[in-house]
PDB file of all heavy atoms in Angstrom:
ATOM      1  N   ALA A   1       0.818  -1.180   0.014  1.00  0.00           N
ATOM      2  CA  ALA A   1       0.031   0.021   0.004  1.00  0.00           C
ATOM      3  C   ALA A   1       0.895   1.331   0.048  1.00  0.00           C
ATOM      4  O   ALA A   1       0.651   2.219  -0.746  1.00  0.00           O
ATOM      5  CB  ALA A   1      -0.895  -0.041   1.175  1.00  0.00           C
ATOM      6  N   ASP A   2       1.987   1.303   0.771  1.00  0.00           N
ATOM      7  CA  ASP A   2       2.874   2.440   0.830  1.00  0.00           C
ATOM      8  C   ASP A   2       3.529   2.594  -0.586  1.00  0.00           C
ATOM      9  O   ASP A   2       3.743   3.687  -1.084  1.00  0.00           O
ATOM     10  CB  ASP A   2       3.921   2.296   1.861  1.00  0.00           C
ATOM     11  CG  ASP A   2       3.300   2.373   3.273  1.00  0.00           C
ATOM     12  OD1 ASP A   2       2.224   2.935   3.405  1.00  0.00           O
ATOM     13  OD2 ASP A   2       4.048   1.922   4.255  1.00  0.00           O
ATOM     14  N   LEU A   3       4.012   1.484  -1.209  1.00  0.00           N
ATOM     15  CA  LEU A   3       4.610   1.544  -2.488  1.00  0.00           C
ATOM     16  C   LEU A   3       3.637   2.054  -3.592  1.00  0.00           C
ATOM     17  O   LEU A   3       3.951   2.916  -4.328  1.00  0.00           O
ATOM     18  CB  LEU A   3       5.139   0.180  -2.933  1.00  0.00           C
ATOM     19  CG  LEU A   3       6.199  -0.418  -1.941  1.00  0.00           C
ATOM     20  CD1 LEU A   3       6.624  -1.818  -2.465  1.00  0.00           C
ATOM     21  CD2 LEU A   3       7.327   0.503  -1.760  1.00  0.00           C
ATOM     22  N   ASP A   4       2.395   1.535  -3.563  1.00  0.00           N
ATOM     23  CA  ASP A   4       1.343   1.994  -4.491  1.00  0.00           C
ATOM     24  C   ASP A   4       1.141   3.502  -4.331  1.00  0.00           C
ATOM     25  O   ASP A   4       1.126   4.268  -5.253  1.00  0.00           O
ATOM     26  CB  ASP A   4       0.066   1.260  -4.244  1.00  0.00           C
ATOM     27  CG  ASP A   4       0.054  -0.230  -4.665  1.00  0.00           C
ATOM     28  OD1 ASP A   4       0.993  -0.646  -5.417  1.00  0.00           O
ATOM     29  OD2 ASP A   4      -0.812  -0.896  -4.067  1.00  0.00           O
ATOM     30  N   ALA A   5       0.938   3.944  -3.055  1.00  0.00           N
ATOM     31  CA  ALA A   5       0.834   5.410  -2.854  1.00  0.00           C
ATOM     32  C   ALA A   5       2.005   6.233  -3.247  1.00  0.00           C
ATOM     33  O   ALA A   5       1.757   7.272  -3.896  1.00  0.00           O
ATOM     34  CB  ALA A   5       0.521   5.636  -1.359  1.00  0.00           C
ATOM     35  N   ALA A   6       3.140   5.809  -3.059  1.00  0.00           N
ATOM     36  CA  ALA A   6       4.394   6.544  -3.459  1.00  0.00           C
ATOM     37  C   ALA A   6       4.421   6.757  -4.988  1.00  0.00           C
ATOM     38  O   ALA A   6       4.814   7.759  -5.501  1.00  0.00           O
ATOM     39  CB  ALA A   6       5.697   5.824  -3.020  1.00  0.00           C
ATOM     40  N   ILE A   7       3.843   5.722  -5.724  1.00  0.00           N
ATOM     41  CA  ILE A   7       3.908   5.820  -7.120  1.00  0.00           C
ATOM     42  C   ILE A   7       2.701   6.619  -7.663  1.00  0.00           C
ATOM     43  O   ILE A   7       2.923   7.517  -8.431  1.00  0.00           O
ATOM     44  CB  ILE A   7       3.816   4.361  -7.823  1.00  0.00           C
ATOM     45  CG1 ILE A   7       5.121   3.599  -7.482  1.00  0.00           C
ATOM     46  CG2 ILE A   7       3.569   4.497  -9.336  1.00  0.00           C
ATOM     47  CD1 ILE A   7       6.389   3.994  -8.245  1.00  0.00           C
ATOM     48  N   VAL A   8       1.530   6.347  -7.189  1.00  0.00           N
ATOM     49  CA  VAL A   8       0.345   6.920  -7.898  1.00  0.00           C
ATOM     50  C   VAL A   8      -0.093   8.245  -7.233  1.00  0.00           C
ATOM     51  O   VAL A   8      -0.680   9.064  -7.882  1.00  0.00           O
ATOM     52  CB  VAL A   8      -0.940   5.980  -7.756  1.00  0.00           C
ATOM     53  CG1 VAL A   8      -0.574   4.710  -8.496  1.00  0.00           C
ATOM     54  CG2 VAL A   8      -1.391   5.722  -6.349  1.00  0.00           C
ATOM     55  N   ASP A   9       0.367   8.624  -6.064  1.00  0.00           N
ATOM     56  CA  ASP A   9       0.015   9.948  -5.466  1.00  0.00           C
ATOM     57  C   ASP A   9       0.504  11.116  -6.224  1.00  0.00           C
ATOM     58  O   ASP A   9      -0.105  12.217  -6.083  1.00  0.00           O
ATOM     59  CB  ASP A   9       0.447   9.980  -4.001  1.00  0.00           C
ATOM     60  CG  ASP A   9      -0.444   9.271  -3.023  1.00  0.00           C
ATOM     61  OD1 ASP A   9      -1.417   8.636  -3.425  1.00  0.00           O
ATOM     62  OD2 ASP A   9      -0.102   9.164  -1.832  1.00  0.00           O
ATOM     63  N   SER A  10       1.517  11.016  -6.988  1.00  0.00           N
ATOM     64  CA  SER A  10       2.006  12.097  -7.792  1.00  0.00           C
ATOM     65  C   SER A  10       1.114  12.426  -8.950  1.00  0.00           C
ATOM     66  O   SER A  10       1.153  13.543  -9.435  1.00  0.00           O
ATOM     67  CB  SER A  10       3.483  11.858  -8.288  1.00  0.00           C
ATOM     68  OG  SER A  10       3.461  10.665  -9.105  1.00  0.00           O
ATOM     69  N   GLY A  11       0.259  11.536  -9.362  1.00  0.00           N
ATOM     70  CA  GLY A  11      -0.759  11.765 -10.348  1.00  0.00           C
ATOM     71  C   GLY A  11      -0.426  11.369 -11.777  1.00  0.00           C
ATOM     72  O   GLY A  11      -1.345  11.075 -12.499  1.00  0.00           O
ATOM     73  N   SER A  12       0.800  11.382 -12.139  1.00  0.00           N
ATOM     74  CA  SER A  12       1.223  10.993 -13.483  1.00  0.00           C
ATOM     75  C   SER A  12       2.632  10.521 -13.442  1.00  0.00           C
ATOM     76  O   SER A  12       3.408  10.907 -12.491  1.00  0.00           O
ATOM     77  CB  SER A  12       1.000  12.035 -14.455  1.00  0.00           C
ATOM     78  OG  SER A  12       1.972  13.152 -14.208  1.00  0.00           O
ATOM     79  N   VAL A  13       3.091   9.872 -14.512  1.00  0.00           N
ATOM     80  CA  VAL A  13       4.499   9.496 -14.629  1.00  0.00           C
ATOM     81  C   VAL A  13       5.302  10.723 -14.763  1.00  0.00           C
ATOM     82  O   VAL A  13       6.385  10.815 -14.099  1.00  0.00           O
ATOM     83  CB  VAL A  13       4.630   8.473 -15.805  1.00  0.00           C
ATOM     84  CG1 VAL A  13       6.143   8.255 -16.162  1.00  0.00           C
ATOM     85  CG2 VAL A  13       3.986   7.118 -15.515  1.00  0.00           C
ATOM     86  N   ASP A  14       4.910  11.616 -15.536  1.00  0.00           N
ATOM     87  CA  ASP A  14       5.674  12.896 -15.669  1.00  0.00           C
ATOM     88  C   ASP A  14       5.929  13.569 -14.333  1.00  0.00           C
ATOM     89  O   ASP A  14       7.017  14.032 -14.109  1.00  0.00           O
ATOM     90  CB  ASP A  14       5.101  13.829 -16.690  1.00  0.00           C
ATOM     91  CG  ASP A  14       5.176  13.287 -18.101  1.00  0.00           C
ATOM     92  OD1 ASP A  14       6.085  12.550 -18.376  1.00  0.00           O
ATOM     93  OD2 ASP A  14       4.385  13.741 -18.965  1.00  0.00           O
ATOM     94  N   ARG A  15       4.809  13.678 -13.556  1.00  0.00           N
ATOM     95  CA  ARG A  15       4.992  14.362 -12.289  1.00  0.00           C
ATOM     96  C   ARG A  15       5.861  13.489 -11.258  1.00  0.00           C
ATOM     97  O   ARG A  15       6.671  14.065 -10.560  1.00  0.00           O
ATOM     98  CB  ARG A  15       3.623  14.549 -11.731  1.00  0.00           C
ATOM     99  CG  ARG A  15       3.601  15.188 -10.373  1.00  0.00           C
ATOM    100  CD  ARG A  15       3.750  16.696 -10.504  1.00  0.00           C
ATOM    101  NE  ARG A  15       3.610  17.299  -9.221  1.00  0.00           N
ATOM    102  CZ  ARG A  15       4.518  18.167  -8.708  1.00  0.00           C
ATOM    103  NH1 ARG A  15       5.537  18.531  -9.443  1.00  0.00           N
ATOM    104  NH2 ARG A  15       4.386  18.657  -7.470  1.00  0.00           N
ATOM    105  N   PHE A  16       5.693  12.193 -11.338  1.00  0.00           N
ATOM    106  CA  PHE A  16       6.581  11.355 -10.556  1.00  0.00           C
ATOM    107  C   PHE A  16       8.046  11.533 -10.803  1.00  0.00           C
ATOM    108  O   PHE A  16       8.798  11.798  -9.895  1.00  0.00           O
ATOM    109  CB  PHE A  16       6.209   9.855 -10.666  1.00  0.00           C
ATOM    110  CG  PHE A  16       7.025   8.883  -9.969  1.00  0.00           C
ATOM    111  CD1 PHE A  16       6.773   8.573  -8.692  1.00  0.00           C
ATOM    112  CD2 PHE A  16       8.166   8.310 -10.590  1.00  0.00           C
ATOM    113  CE1 PHE A  16       7.627   7.722  -8.017  1.00  0.00           C
ATOM    114  CE2 PHE A  16       8.923   7.400  -9.971  1.00  0.00           C
ATOM    115  CZ  PHE A  16       8.681   7.140  -8.630  1.00  0.00           C
ATOM    116  N   ARG A  17       8.400  11.596 -12.020  1.00  0.00           N
ATOM    117  CA  ARG A  17       9.673  11.917 -12.484  1.00  0.00           C
ATOM    118  C   ARG A  17      10.211  13.288 -12.001  1.00  0.00           C
ATOM    119  O   ARG A  17      11.286  13.448 -11.542  1.00  0.00           O
ATOM    120  CB  ARG A  17       9.868  11.785 -14.060  1.00  0.00           C
ATOM    121  CG  ARG A  17       9.794  10.374 -14.536  1.00  0.00           C
ATOM    122  CD  ARG A  17       9.733  10.418 -16.062  1.00  0.00           C
ATOM    123  NE  ARG A  17       9.808   9.049 -16.647  1.00  0.00           N
ATOM    124  CZ  ARG A  17       9.229   8.651 -17.767  1.00  0.00           C
ATOM    125  NH1 ARG A  17       8.481   9.637 -18.422  1.00  0.00           N
ATOM    126  NH2 ARG A  17       9.409   7.501 -18.243  1.00  0.00           N
ATOM    127  N   ALA A  18       9.295  14.276 -12.194  1.00  0.00           N
ATOM    128  CA  ALA A  18       9.658  15.663 -11.882  1.00  0.00           C
ATOM    129  C   ALA A  18       9.941  15.859 -10.408  1.00  0.00           C
ATOM    130  O   ALA A  18      10.855  16.712 -10.045  1.00  0.00           O
ATOM    131  CB  ALA A  18       8.520  16.617 -12.290  1.00  0.00           C
ATOM    132  N   VAL A  19       9.268  15.139  -9.546  1.00  0.00           N
ATOM    133  CA  VAL A  19       9.502  15.316  -8.106  1.00  0.00           C
ATOM    134  C   VAL A  19      10.446  14.428  -7.448  1.00  0.00           C
ATOM    135  O   VAL A  19      10.769  14.540  -6.312  1.00  0.00           O
ATOM    136  CB  VAL A  19       8.083  15.314  -7.296  1.00  0.00           C
ATOM    137  CG1 VAL A  19       7.072  16.429  -7.752  1.00  0.00           C
ATOM    138  CG2 VAL A  19       7.427  13.938  -7.374  1.00  0.00           C
ATOM    139  N   SER A  20      10.968  13.501  -8.236  1.00  0.00           N
ATOM    140  CA  SER A  20      12.022  12.498  -7.735  1.00  0.00           C
ATOM    141  C   SER A  20      13.281  13.257  -7.542  1.00  0.00           C
ATOM    142  O   SER A  20      13.857  13.934  -8.420  1.00  0.00           O
ATOM    143  CB  SER A  20      12.231  11.393  -8.705  1.00  0.00           C
ATOM    144  OG  SER A  20      11.023  10.638  -8.856  1.00  0.00           O
ATOM    145  N   ARG A  21      13.839  13.194  -6.335  1.00  0.00           N
ATOM    146  CA  ARG A  21      15.110  13.746  -6.065  1.00  0.00           C
ATOM    147  C   ARG A  21      16.032  12.788  -5.333  1.00  0.00           C
ATOM    148  O   ARG A  21      15.606  12.208  -4.213  1.00  0.00           O
ATOM    149  CB  ARG A  21      15.014  14.969  -5.074  1.00  0.00           C
ATOM    150  CG  ARG A  21      14.179  16.139  -5.658  1.00  0.00           C
ATOM    151  CD  ARG A  21      14.959  16.945  -6.668  1.00  0.00           C
ATOM    152  NE  ARG A  21      14.211  18.095  -7.165  1.00  0.00           N
ATOM    153  CZ  ARG A  21      13.473  18.060  -8.309  1.00  0.00           C
ATOM    154  NH1 ARG A  21      13.454  16.942  -8.963  1.00  0.00           N
ATOM    155  NH2 ARG A  21      12.838  19.129  -8.703  1.00  0.00           N
ATOM    156  N   LEU A  22      17.182  12.523  -5.775  1.00  0.00           N
ATOM    157  CA  LEU A  22      18.051  11.549  -5.180  1.00  0.00           C
ATOM    158  C   LEU A  22      18.533  12.023  -3.780  1.00  0.00           C
ATOM    159  O   LEU A  22      18.918  13.226  -3.759  1.00  0.00           O
ATOM    160  CB  LEU A  22      19.230  11.255  -6.034  1.00  0.00           C
ATOM    161  CG  LEU A  22      18.936  10.403  -7.299  1.00  0.00           C
ATOM    162  CD1 LEU A  22      20.186  10.436  -8.184  1.00  0.00           C
ATOM    163  CD2 LEU A  22      18.542   9.001  -6.925  1.00  0.00           C
ATOM    164  N   ARG A  23      18.527  11.137  -2.812  1.00  0.00           N
ATOM    165  CA  ARG A  23      19.128  11.638  -1.535  1.00  0.00           C
ATOM    166  C   ARG A  23      20.675  11.690  -1.684  1.00  0.00           C
ATOM    167  O   ARG A  23      21.245  11.162  -2.619  1.00  0.00           O
ATOM    168  CB  ARG A  23      18.818  10.528  -0.474  1.00  0.00           C
ATOM    169  CG  ARG A  23      17.363  10.350  -0.124  1.00  0.00           C
ATOM    170  CD  ARG A  23      17.099   9.312   0.950  1.00  0.00           C
ATOM    171  NE  ARG A  23      15.665   9.173   1.132  1.00  0.00           N
ATOM    172  CZ  ARG A  23      15.031   9.870   2.059  1.00  0.00           C
ATOM    173  NH1 ARG A  23      15.666  10.701   2.828  1.00  0.00           N
ATOM    174  NH2 ARG A  23      13.681   9.714   2.152  1.00  0.00           N
ATOM    175  N   ASP A  24      21.301  12.408  -0.783  1.00  0.00           N
ATOM    176  CA  ASP A  24      22.707  12.570  -0.852  1.00  0.00           C
ATOM    177  C   ASP A  24      23.457  11.325  -0.582  1.00  0.00           C
ATOM    178  O   ASP A  24      22.936  10.407  -0.005  1.00  0.00           O
ATOM    179  CB  ASP A  24      23.169  13.736   0.010  1.00  0.00           C
ATOM    180  CG  ASP A  24      22.996  13.564   1.467  1.00  0.00           C
ATOM    181  OD1 ASP A  24      23.308  12.391   1.956  1.00  0.00           O
ATOM    182  OD2 ASP A  24      22.639  14.512   2.228  1.00  0.00           O
ATOM    183  N   ASP A  25      24.733  11.294  -1.050  1.00  0.00           N
ATOM    184  CA  ASP A  25      25.539  10.154  -0.921  1.00  0.00           C
ATOM    185  C   ASP A  25      25.699   9.691   0.579  1.00  0.00           C
ATOM    186  O   ASP A  25      25.707   8.470   0.813  1.00  0.00           O
ATOM    187  CB  ASP A  25      26.940  10.402  -1.432  1.00  0.00           C
ATOM    188  CG  ASP A  25      27.005  10.383  -2.994  1.00  0.00           C
ATOM    189  OD1 ASP A  25      25.990  10.135  -3.615  1.00  0.00           O
ATOM    190  OD2 ASP A  25      28.089  10.608  -3.557  1.00  0.00           O
ATOM    191  N   ASP A  26      25.809  10.583   1.517  1.00  0.00           N
ATOM    192  CA  ASP A  26      25.955  10.219   2.875  1.00  0.00           C
ATOM    193  C   ASP A  26      24.773   9.391   3.420  1.00  0.00           C
ATOM    194  O   ASP A  26      24.973   8.361   4.104  1.00  0.00           O
ATOM    195  CB  ASP A  26      26.144  11.392   3.856  1.00  0.00           C
ATOM    196  CG  ASP A  26      27.514  12.070   3.600  1.00  0.00           C
ATOM    197  OD1 ASP A  26      28.480  11.366   3.099  1.00  0.00           O
ATOM    198  OD2 ASP A  26      27.694  13.193   3.974  1.00  0.00           O
ATOM    199  N   GLU A  27      23.535   9.819   3.098  1.00  0.00           N
ATOM    200  CA  GLU A  27      22.401   9.093   3.499  1.00  0.00           C
ATOM    201  C   GLU A  27      22.367   7.686   2.803  1.00  0.00           C
ATOM    202  O   GLU A  27      22.041   6.657   3.432  1.00  0.00           O
ATOM    203  CB  GLU A  27      21.090   9.776   3.099  1.00  0.00           C
ATOM    204  CG  GLU A  27      20.641  10.878   4.046  1.00  0.00           C
ATOM    205  CD  GLU A  27      19.347  11.405   3.546  1.00  0.00           C
ATOM    206  OE1 GLU A  27      19.294  12.225   2.656  1.00  0.00           O
ATOM    207  OE2 GLU A  27      18.296  11.046   4.200  1.00  0.00           O
ATOM    208  N   LEU A  28      22.715   7.652   1.549  1.00  0.00           N
ATOM    209  CA  LEU A  28      22.663   6.361   0.769  1.00  0.00           C
ATOM    210  C   LEU A  28      23.687   5.407   1.335  1.00  0.00           C
ATOM    211  O   LEU A  28      23.514   4.204   1.508  1.00  0.00           O
ATOM    212  CB  LEU A  28      22.809   6.650  -0.656  1.00  0.00           C
ATOM    213  CG  LEU A  28      21.689   7.382  -1.379  1.00  0.00           C
ATOM    214  CD1 LEU A  28      22.121   7.722  -2.827  1.00  0.00           C
ATOM    215  CD2 LEU A  28      20.399   6.557  -1.308  1.00  0.00           C
ATOM    216  N   LEU A  29      24.922   5.994   1.715  1.00  0.00           N
ATOM    217  CA  LEU A  29      26.002   5.144   2.186  1.00  0.00           C
ATOM    218  C   LEU A  29      25.717   4.596   3.609  1.00  0.00           C
ATOM    219  O   LEU A  29      25.975   3.371   3.858  1.00  0.00           O
ATOM    220  CB  LEU A  29      27.341   5.906   2.215  1.00  0.00           C
ATOM    221  CG  LEU A  29      27.952   6.157   0.934  1.00  0.00           C
ATOM    222  CD1 LEU A  29      29.053   7.169   0.914  1.00  0.00           C
ATOM    223  CD2 LEU A  29      28.560   4.827   0.341  1.00  0.00           C
ATOM    224  N   ARG A  30      24.980   5.429   4.413  1.00  0.00           N
ATOM    225  CA  ARG A  30      24.527   4.901   5.738  1.00  0.00           C
ATOM    226  C   ARG A  30      23.629   3.725   5.621  1.00  0.00           C
ATOM    227  O   ARG A  30      23.670   2.684   6.206  1.00  0.00           O
ATOM    228  CB  ARG A  30      23.959   6.011   6.602  1.00  0.00           C
ATOM    229  CG  ARG A  30      24.928   6.919   7.342  1.00  0.00           C
ATOM    230  CD  ARG A  30      24.328   7.747   8.395  1.00  0.00           C
ATOM    231  NE  ARG A  30      23.382   8.665   7.837  1.00  0.00           N
ATOM    232  CZ  ARG A  30      23.680   9.889   7.283  1.00  0.00           C
ATOM    233  NH1 ARG A  30      24.933  10.259   7.196  1.00  0.00           N
ATOM    234  NH2 ARG A  30      22.712  10.634   6.897  1.00  0.00           N
TER     235      ARG A  30
END
């Protein structure tokens, strides 16, 4: 349900892409 919401709540594929921001390397490395 959380995964579904994370994908569909943006409303469209274009909007999902537009609001996607990679976390910084430190967070990813931790």
